[in-house]
Amino acid sequence: MLFLSSYAIIGAAVAKITLGVIRMSSLDKMWASFVAIGLMVVASLLISYARTRTKGAVRVILSIIAFCLFIPILLYMLLSLL
């Protein structure tokens, strides 16, 4: 069986890629999930602030920023599940 390995840096965690599958230690998975949880809290607080304290263009910009935070949240969440 062909064994290919390389190292890729994903955030602060180093993942070992073997045949296209990301292998991470349990500690790295924990940190990836903590990052996802932290970003989710930031996005939630940003949306709450935008809806209660701002109006107009600032509200739209803050909401777009909070929505864009869901891309790395999703990636870190998937990374912690692998």
N, C-alpha and C. Protein backbone atom coordinates (compact mmCIF):
# COMPACT_ATOMS: atom_id res chain seq x y z
N MET A 1 0.84 -1.17 0.00
CA MET A 1 0.00 0.00 0.00
C MET A 1 0.89 1.24 0.00
N LEU A 2 0.50 2.18 -0.80
CA LEU A 2 1.26 3.41 -0.94
C LEU A 2 1.05 4.28 0.30
N PHE A 3 2.12 4.69 0.91
CA PHE A 3 2.05 5.50 2.13
C PHE A 3 2.68 6.85 1.85
N LEU A 4 1.85 7.87 1.79
CA LEU A 4 2.32 9.23 1.57
C LEU A 4 2.03 10.03 2.82
N SER A 5 3.02 10.74 3.30
CA SER A 5 2.77 11.58 4.48
C SER A 5 3.43 12.93 4.29
N SER A 6 2.77 13.92 4.79
CA SER A 6 3.32 15.27 4.79
C SER A 6 2.72 15.99 5.98
N TYR A 7 3.27 17.13 6.31
CA TYR A 7 2.77 17.89 7.45
C TYR A 7 2.17 19.20 6.97
N ALA A 8 1.02 19.55 7.50
CA ALA A 8 0.36 20.81 7.14
C ALA A 8 0.01 21.52 8.44
N ILE A 9 0.23 22.81 8.47
CA ILE A 9 -0.11 23.59 9.65
C ILE A 9 -1.52 24.14 9.46
N ILE A 10 -2.41 23.79 10.35
CA ILE A 10 -3.79 24.26 10.30
C ILE A 10 -4.04 25.00 11.60
N GLY A 11 -4.08 26.34 11.49
CA GLY A 11 -4.20 27.15 12.70
C GLY A 11 -2.96 26.96 13.54
N ALA A 12 -3.13 26.59 14.78
CA ALA A 12 -1.99 26.35 15.67
C ALA A 12 -1.67 24.87 15.77
N ALA A 13 -2.52 24.02 15.21
CA ALA A 13 -2.32 22.58 15.32
C ALA A 13 -1.57 22.05 14.11
N VAL A 14 -0.73 21.07 14.33
CA VAL A 14 -0.03 20.42 13.24
C VAL A 14 -0.73 19.10 12.98
N ALA A 15 -1.21 18.93 11.75
CA ALA A 15 -1.95 17.72 11.41
C ALA A 15 -1.12 16.87 10.46
N LYS A 16 -1.13 15.59 10.67
CA LYS A 16 -0.42 14.68 9.79
C LYS A 16 -1.40 14.18 8.74
N ILE A 17 -1.08 14.42 7.48
CA ILE A 17 -1.96 14.03 6.39
C ILE A 17 -1.44 12.72 5.80
N THR A 18 -2.26 11.68 5.87
CA THR A 18 -1.90 10.37 5.35
C THR A 18 -2.96 9.93 4.37
N LEU A 19 -2.59 9.80 3.11
CA LEU A 19 -3.52 9.39 2.06
C LEU A 19 -4.79 10.23 2.04
N GLY A 20 -4.65 11.52 2.23
CA GLY A 20 -5.76 12.44 2.15
C GLY A 20 -6.60 12.53 3.42
N VAL A 21 -6.26 11.81 4.48
CA VAL A 21 -7.00 11.84 5.74
C VAL A 21 -6.17 12.60 6.76
N ILE A 22 -6.79 13.55 7.43
CA ILE A 22 -6.07 14.35 8.42
C ILE A 22 -6.07 13.59 9.74
N ARG A 23 -4.88 13.35 10.26
CA ARG A 23 -4.72 12.68 11.55
C ARG A 23 -4.25 13.71 12.57
N MET A 24 -5.02 13.86 13.64
CA MET A 24 -4.67 14.81 14.69
C MET A 24 -4.71 14.10 16.02
N SER A 25 -3.89 14.56 16.94
CA SER A 25 -3.94 14.00 18.29
C SER A 25 -5.20 14.51 18.99
N SER A 26 -5.56 13.88 20.06
CA SER A 26 -6.76 14.27 20.81
C SER A 26 -6.62 15.69 21.36
N LEU A 27 -5.41 16.06 21.76
CA LEU A 27 -5.19 17.41 22.28
C LEU A 27 -5.39 18.46 21.19
N ASP A 28 -4.91 18.18 19.98
CA ASP A 28 -5.12 19.11 18.87
C ASP A 28 -6.60 19.24 18.53
N LYS A 29 -7.34 18.13 18.60
CA LYS A 29 -8.78 18.18 18.35
C LYS A 29 -9.49 19.02 19.40
N MET A 30 -9.03 18.91 20.65
CA MET A 30 -9.61 19.70 21.71
C MET A 30 -9.41 21.19 21.46
N TRP A 31 -8.19 21.57 21.07
CA TRP A 31 -7.91 22.98 20.82
C TRP A 31 -8.68 23.49 19.61
N ALA A 32 -8.84 22.67 18.58
CA ALA A 32 -9.64 23.06 17.42
C ALA A 32 -11.09 23.30 17.82
N SER A 33 -11.63 22.46 18.69
CA SER A 33 -13.01 22.66 19.14
C SER A 33 -13.12 23.90 20.02
N PHE A 34 -12.11 24.18 20.85
CA PHE A 34 -12.12 25.40 21.67
C PHE A 34 -12.09 26.65 20.80
N VAL A 35 -11.31 26.62 19.73
CA VAL A 35 -11.27 27.76 18.81
C VAL A 35 -12.63 27.95 18.16
N ALA A 36 -13.27 26.86 17.74
CA ALA A 36 -14.60 26.95 17.13
C ALA A 36 -15.62 27.51 18.12
N ILE A 37 -15.56 27.05 19.36
CA ILE A 37 -16.48 27.55 20.38
C ILE A 37 -16.24 29.03 20.64
N GLY A 38 -14.97 29.43 20.74
CA GLY A 38 -14.65 30.84 20.96
C GLY A 38 -15.12 31.73 19.82
N LEU A 39 -14.92 31.28 18.59
CA LEU A 39 -15.38 32.06 17.45
C LEU A 39 -16.91 32.14 17.41
N MET A 40 -17.57 31.08 17.84
CA MET A 40 -19.04 31.10 17.90
C MET A 40 -19.52 32.12 18.93
N VAL A 41 -18.84 32.20 20.07
CA VAL A 41 -19.20 33.20 21.08
C VAL A 41 -18.99 34.61 20.54
N VAL A 42 -17.87 34.82 19.85
CA VAL A 42 -17.60 36.15 19.26
C VAL A 42 -18.67 36.51 18.25
N ALA A 43 -19.03 35.56 17.38
CA ALA A 43 -20.06 35.83 16.36
C ALA A 43 -21.40 36.13 17.02
N SER A 44 -21.74 35.39 18.07
CA SER A 44 -23.01 35.60 18.76
C SER A 44 -23.05 36.98 19.43
N LEU A 45 -21.96 37.34 20.10
CA LEU A 45 -21.91 38.66 20.74
C LEU A 45 -21.94 39.79 19.72
N LEU A 46 -21.28 39.57 18.59
CA LEU A 46 -21.27 40.58 17.53
C LEU A 46 -22.67 40.79 16.95
N ILE A 47 -23.39 39.70 16.72
CA ILE A 47 -24.76 39.81 16.22
C ILE A 47 -25.67 40.49 17.26
N SER A 48 -25.50 40.10 18.51
CA SER A 48 -26.33 40.71 19.57
C SER A 48 -26.07 42.20 19.67
N TYR A 49 -24.80 42.59 19.61
CA TYR A 49 -24.45 44.01 19.67
C TYR A 49 -25.00 44.76 18.45
N ALA A 50 -24.85 44.16 17.28
CA ALA A 50 -25.32 44.82 16.06
C ALA A 50 -26.83 45.03 16.07
N ARG A 51 -27.56 44.07 16.59
CA ARG A 51 -29.02 44.19 16.57
C ARG A 51 -29.57 45.12 17.65
N THR A 52 -28.87 45.24 18.76
CA THR A 52 -29.41 46.06 19.85
C THR A 52 -28.87 47.49 19.87
N ARG A 53 -27.64 47.71 19.41
CA ARG A 53 -27.01 49.01 19.62
C ARG A 53 -26.73 49.81 18.34
N THR A 54 -26.86 49.18 17.18
CA THR A 54 -26.49 49.89 15.96
C THR A 54 -27.66 49.92 14.98
N LYS A 55 -27.54 50.82 14.00
CA LYS A 55 -28.55 50.95 12.95
C LYS A 55 -27.85 51.21 11.63
N GLY A 56 -28.55 50.95 10.56
CA GLY A 56 -28.07 51.30 9.23
C GLY A 56 -26.92 50.44 8.73
N ALA A 57 -25.95 51.13 8.11
CA ALA A 57 -24.84 50.44 7.46
C ALA A 57 -23.93 49.73 8.46
N VAL A 58 -23.76 50.31 9.64
CA VAL A 58 -22.90 49.68 10.65
C VAL A 58 -23.49 48.33 11.07
N ARG A 59 -24.81 48.29 11.21
CA ARG A 59 -25.49 47.04 11.57
C ARG A 59 -25.28 45.98 10.50
N VAL A 60 -25.39 46.38 9.24
CA VAL A 60 -25.21 45.44 8.14
C VAL A 60 -23.77 44.93 8.09
N ILE A 61 -22.81 45.82 8.26
CA ILE A 61 -21.39 45.43 8.21
C ILE A 61 -21.06 44.48 9.35
N LEU A 62 -21.52 44.78 10.57
CA LEU A 62 -21.26 43.90 11.70
C LEU A 62 -21.92 42.53 11.52
N SER A 63 -23.11 42.53 10.94
CA SER A 63 -23.79 41.26 10.69
C SER A 63 -23.07 40.43 9.65
N ILE A 64 -22.53 41.07 8.63
CA ILE A 64 -21.77 40.36 7.59
C ILE A 64 -20.48 39.79 8.18
N ILE A 65 -19.81 40.57 9.02
CA ILE A 65 -18.59 40.08 9.67
C ILE A 65 -18.90 38.86 10.54
N ALA A 66 -20.00 38.94 11.31
CA ALA A 66 -20.39 37.80 12.15
C ALA A 66 -20.73 36.58 11.30
N PHE A 67 -21.41 36.81 10.18
CA PHE A 67 -21.74 35.70 9.29
C PHE A 67 -20.48 35.10 8.69
N CYS A 68 -19.52 35.93 8.33
CA CYS A 68 -18.26 35.42 7.75
C CYS A 68 -17.44 34.63 8.76
N LEU A 69 -17.65 34.87 10.04
CA LEU A 69 -16.96 34.08 11.07
C LEU A 69 -17.40 32.62 11.06
N PHE A 70 -18.56 32.35 10.47
CA PHE A 70 -19.03 30.97 10.45
C PHE A 70 -18.23 30.09 9.51
N ILE A 71 -17.48 30.65 8.58
CA ILE A 71 -16.63 29.84 7.70
C ILE A 71 -15.50 29.18 8.50
N PRO A 72 -14.68 29.95 9.26
CA PRO A 72 -13.67 29.27 10.06
C PRO A 72 -14.27 28.43 11.19
N ILE A 73 -15.45 28.82 11.70
CA ILE A 73 -16.11 28.00 12.72
C ILE A 73 -16.40 26.63 12.15
N LEU A 74 -16.96 26.59 10.96
CA LEU A 74 -17.28 25.32 10.31
C LEU A 74 -16.03 24.50 10.05
N LEU A 75 -14.97 25.14 9.59
CA LEU A 75 -13.72 24.42 9.30
C LEU A 75 -13.10 23.84 10.56
N TYR A 76 -13.05 24.63 11.63
CA TYR A 76 -12.50 24.12 12.89
C TYR A 76 -13.38 23.02 13.48
N MET A 77 -14.69 23.15 13.33
CA MET A 77 -15.59 22.12 13.83
C MET A 77 -15.37 20.80 13.08
N LEU A 78 -15.27 20.88 11.76
CA LEU A 78 -15.02 19.66 10.97
C LEU A 78 -13.65 19.09 11.29
N LEU A 79 -12.69 19.95 11.51
CA LEU A 79 -11.34 19.51 11.85
C LEU A 79 -11.31 18.77 13.18
N SER A 80 -12.11 19.24 14.13
CA SER A 80 -12.12 18.58 15.44
C SER A 80 -12.89 17.25 15.41
N LEU A 81 -13.74 17.06 14.41
CA LEU A 81 -14.48 15.80 14.30
C LEU A 81 -13.69 14.70 13.62
N LEU A 82 -12.70 15.06 12.83
CA LEU A 82 -11.94 14.03 12.09
C LEU A 82 -11.03 13.23 12.98
